[in-house]
């Protein structure tokens, strides 16, 4: 796998976030800052918060959110086994309508794992 989907997603997200944040809108800026602060270590570690974000994104069926949280979970060391437990929570809570999003999440995870250096 080339990781093209991952690269395209990251590039688009960075480009559009920069465009959005260059506007003089305090509500948007504060919401983005709140989102950033929410996923930092606190009483719950960042890893747990990212896992929660992924499960919630699956239930809400937001592919961009799912891709973002899959990438962030991957960065903080979520294992494949942990991913599939998160996916099962999302599937049970969200129902069968989550299945297409689960497919895309696993595809995105496969691309991230394919980019890892081989030991």
C-alpha atoms as a PDB file:
ATOM      1  CA  UNK A   1       0.000   0.000   0.000  1.00  0.00           C
ATOM      2  CA  UNK A   2       1.192   3.460  -0.811  1.00  0.00           C
ATOM      3  CA  UNK A   3      -0.396   5.230   2.123  1.00  0.00           C
ATOM      4  CA  UNK A   4      -1.921   7.689  -0.358  1.00  0.00           C
ATOM      5  CA  UNK A   5      -5.195   7.867   1.529  1.00  0.00           C
ATOM      6  CA  UNK A   6      -3.360   8.663   4.756  1.00  0.00           C
ATOM      7  CA  UNK A   7      -1.128  11.251   3.064  1.00  0.00           C
ATOM      8  CA  UNK A   8      -4.085  12.863   1.274  1.00  0.00           C
ATOM      9  CA  UNK A   9      -6.133  13.003   4.476  1.00  0.00           C
ATOM     10  CA  UNK A  10      -3.336  14.568   6.524  1.00  0.00           C
ATOM     11  CA  UNK A  11      -2.456  17.117   3.822  1.00  0.00           C
ATOM     12  CA  UNK A  12      -6.087  18.156   3.298  1.00  0.00           C
ATOM     13  CA  UNK A  13      -6.745  18.438   7.031  1.00  0.00           C
ATOM     14  CA  UNK A  14      -3.640  20.562   7.631  1.00  0.00           C
ATOM     15  CA  UNK A  15      -4.324  22.805   4.645  1.00  0.00           C
ATOM     16  CA  UNK A  16      -7.959  23.402   5.511  1.00  0.00           C
ATOM     17  CA  UNK A  17      -7.315  23.895   9.232  1.00  0.00           C
ATOM     18  CA  UNK A  18      -4.787  26.591   8.327  1.00  0.00           C
ATOM     19  CA  UNK A  19      -7.319  28.263   6.014  1.00  0.00           C
ATOM     20  CA  UNK A  20     -10.032  28.137   8.647  1.00  0.00           C
ATOM     21  CA  UNK A  21      -7.819  29.426  11.460  1.00  0.00           C
ATOM     22  CA  UNK A  22      -6.497  32.342   9.399  1.00  0.00           C
ATOM     23  CA  UNK A  23      -9.955  33.893   9.658  1.00  0.00           C
ATOM     24  CA  UNK A  24     -10.622  36.316  12.481  1.00  0.00           C
ATOM     25  CA  UNK A  25     -13.371  34.300  14.167  1.00  0.00           C
ATOM     26  CA  UNK A  26     -13.034  33.763  17.905  1.00  0.00           C
ATOM     27  CA  UNK A  27     -15.758  31.114  18.118  1.00  0.00           C
ATOM     28  CA  UNK A  28     -14.021  28.886  15.569  1.00  0.00           C
ATOM     29  CA  UNK A  29     -10.596  29.474  17.122  1.00  0.00           C
ATOM     30  CA  UNK A  30     -11.873  28.721  20.614  1.00  0.00           C
ATOM     31  CA  UNK A  31     -13.632  25.560  19.483  1.00  0.00           C
ATOM     32  CA  UNK A  32     -10.446  24.302  17.788  1.00  0.00           C
ATOM     33  CA  UNK A  33      -8.480  25.138  20.962  1.00  0.00           C
ATOM     34  CA  UNK A  34     -11.047  23.355  23.131  1.00  0.00           C
ATOM     35  CA  UNK A  35     -10.810  20.280  20.922  1.00  0.00           C
ATOM     36  CA  UNK A  36      -7.010  20.299  21.211  1.00  0.00           C
ATOM     37  CA  UNK A  37      -7.135  20.695  24.995  1.00  0.00           C
ATOM     38  CA  UNK A  38      -9.729  17.947  25.404  1.00  0.00           C
ATOM     39  CA  UNK A  39      -7.445  15.231  24.038  1.00  0.00           C
ATOM     40  CA  UNK A  40      -4.409  16.092  26.191  1.00  0.00           C
ATOM     41  CA  UNK A  41      -3.418  14.040  29.232  1.00  0.00           C
ATOM     42  CA  UNK A  42      -5.554  14.781  32.254  1.00  0.00           C
ATOM     43  CA  UNK A  43      -7.183  12.513  34.790  1.00  0.00           C
ATOM     44  CA  UNK A  44      -7.680  10.277  31.766  1.00  0.00           C
ATOM     45  CA  UNK A  45      -4.559   9.737  29.672  1.00  0.00           C
ATOM     46  CA  UNK A  46      -4.516  10.999  26.063  1.00  0.00           C
ATOM     47  CA  UNK A  47      -4.576   7.386  24.819  1.00  0.00           C
ATOM     48  CA  UNK A  48      -7.876   6.714  26.590  1.00  0.00           C
ATOM     49  CA  UNK A  49      -9.357   9.970  25.320  1.00  0.00           C
ATOM     50  CA  UNK A  50      -8.388   9.141  21.729  1.00  0.00           C
ATOM     51  CA  UNK A  51      -9.950   5.702  22.110  1.00  0.00           C
ATOM     52  CA  UNK A  52     -13.150   7.332  23.383  1.00  0.00           C
ATOM     53  CA  UNK A  53     -13.054   9.787  20.482  1.00  0.00           C
ATOM     54  CA  UNK A  54     -12.726   6.912  18.021  1.00  0.00           C
ATOM     55  CA  UNK A  55     -15.672   4.992  19.484  1.00  0.00           C
ATOM     56  CA  UNK A  56     -17.833   8.127  19.510  1.00  0.00           C
ATOM     57  CA  UNK A  57     -16.834   8.992  15.932  1.00  0.00           C
ATOM     58  CA  UNK A  58     -17.825   5.511  14.784  1.00  0.00           C
ATOM     59  CA  UNK A  59     -21.243   5.841  16.392  1.00  0.00           C
ATOM     60  CA  UNK A  60     -21.663   9.283  14.797  1.00  0.00           C
ATOM     61  CA  UNK A  61     -20.475   7.800  11.469  1.00  0.00           C
ATOM     62  CA  UNK A  62     -18.032  10.608  10.703  1.00  0.00           C
ATOM     63  CA  UNK A  63     -15.367   9.168   8.387  1.00  0.00           C
ATOM     64  CA  UNK A  64     -13.044  12.167   8.757  1.00  0.00           C
ATOM     65  CA  UNK A  65     -13.304  11.945  12.541  1.00  0.00           C
ATOM     66  CA  UNK A  66     -12.751   8.187  12.437  1.00  0.00           C
ATOM     67  CA  UNK A  67      -9.645   8.578  10.256  1.00  0.00           C
ATOM     68  CA  UNK A  68      -8.291  11.311  12.526  1.00  0.00           C
ATOM     69  CA  UNK A  69      -8.798   9.261  15.694  1.00  0.00           C
ATOM     70  CA  UNK A  70      -7.431   6.082  14.102  1.00  0.00           C
ATOM     71  CA  UNK A  71      -4.267   8.039  13.238  1.00  0.00           C
ATOM     72  CA  UNK A  72      -4.061   9.614  16.701  1.00  0.00           C
ATOM     73  CA  UNK A  73      -4.695   6.269  18.420  1.00  0.00           C
ATOM     74  CA  UNK A  74      -1.979   4.724  16.269  1.00  0.00           C
ATOM     75  CA  UNK A  75       0.423   7.532  17.294  1.00  0.00           C
ATOM     76  CA  UNK A  76      -0.196   6.949  21.007  1.00  0.00           C
ATOM     77  CA  UNK A  77       0.388   3.216  20.731  1.00  0.00           C
ATOM     78  CA  UNK A  78      -3.052   1.646  20.501  1.00  0.00           C
ATOM     79  CA  UNK A  79      -2.497  -1.965  19.460  1.00  0.00           C
ATOM     80  CA  UNK A  80      -4.436  -3.758  16.744  1.00  0.00           C
ATOM     81  CA  UNK A  81      -6.170  -5.810  19.438  1.00  0.00           C
ATOM     82  CA  UNK A  82      -7.190  -2.624  21.257  1.00  0.00           C
ATOM     83  CA  UNK A  83      -8.420  -1.114  17.965  1.00  0.00           C
ATOM     84  CA  UNK A  84     -10.727  -4.064  17.425  1.00  0.00           C
ATOM     85  CA  UNK A  85     -12.122  -3.733  20.953  1.00  0.00           C
ATOM     86  CA  UNK A  86     -12.814  -0.042  20.242  1.00  0.00           C
ATOM     87  CA  UNK A  87     -14.388  -1.012  16.916  1.00  0.00           C
ATOM     88  CA  UNK A  88     -16.612  -3.553  18.670  1.00  0.00           C
ATOM     89  CA  UNK A  89     -17.846  -0.929  21.142  1.00  0.00           C
ATOM     90  CA  UNK A  90     -18.653   1.430  18.268  1.00  0.00           C
ATOM     91  CA  UNK A  91     -20.400  -1.344  16.382  1.00  0.00           C
ATOM     92  CA  UNK A  92     -22.497  -2.494  19.345  1.00  0.00           C
ATOM     93  CA  UNK A  93     -23.510   1.043  20.303  1.00  0.00           C
ATOM     94  CA  UNK A  94     -24.061   2.257  16.731  1.00  0.00           C
ATOM     95  CA  UNK A  95     -25.494  -0.892  15.179  1.00  0.00           C
ATOM     96  CA  UNK A  96     -25.044  -2.400  11.755  1.00  0.00           C
ATOM     97  CA  UNK A  97     -25.083   1.011  10.056  1.00  0.00           C
ATOM     98  CA  UNK A  98     -21.537   1.438  11.449  1.00  0.00           C
ATOM     99  CA  UNK A  99     -20.201  -1.485   9.351  1.00  0.00           C
ATOM    100  CA  UNK A 100     -19.254   0.605   6.262  1.00  0.00           C
ATOM    101  CA  UNK A 101     -17.367   2.995   8.553  1.00  0.00           C
ATOM    102  CA  UNK A 102     -15.682   0.056  10.259  1.00  0.00           C
ATOM    103  CA  UNK A 103     -14.454  -1.122   6.850  1.00  0.00           C
ATOM    104  CA  UNK A 104     -12.953   2.287   6.092  1.00  0.00           C
ATOM    105  CA  UNK A 105     -11.425   2.490   9.584  1.00  0.00           C
ATOM    106  CA  UNK A 106      -9.696  -0.873   9.161  1.00  0.00           C
ATOM    107  CA  UNK A 107      -8.503   0.122   5.683  1.00  0.00           C
ATOM    108  CA  UNK A 108      -7.051   3.355   7.117  1.00  0.00           C
ATOM    109  CA  UNK A 109      -5.404   1.417   9.961  1.00  0.00           C
ATOM    110  CA  UNK A 110      -3.942  -1.070   7.455  1.00  0.00           C
ATOM    111  CA  UNK A 111      -2.363   1.837   5.556  1.00  0.00           C
ATOM    112  CA  UNK A 112      -0.906   3.308   8.747  1.00  0.00           C
ATOM    113  CA  UNK A 113       0.546  -0.046   9.741  1.00  0.00           C
ATOM    114  CA  UNK A 114       1.959  -0.591   6.237  1.00  0.00           C
ATOM    115  CA  UNK A 115       3.918   2.671   6.600  1.00  0.00           C
ATOM    116  CA  UNK A 116       5.650   1.461   9.761  1.00  0.00           C
ATOM    117  CA  UNK A 117       9.295   0.501   9.349  1.00  0.00           C
ATOM    118  CA  UNK A 118       9.816  -3.238   9.300  1.00  0.00           C
ATOM    119  CA  UNK A 119      11.860  -4.591  12.223  1.00  0.00           C
END
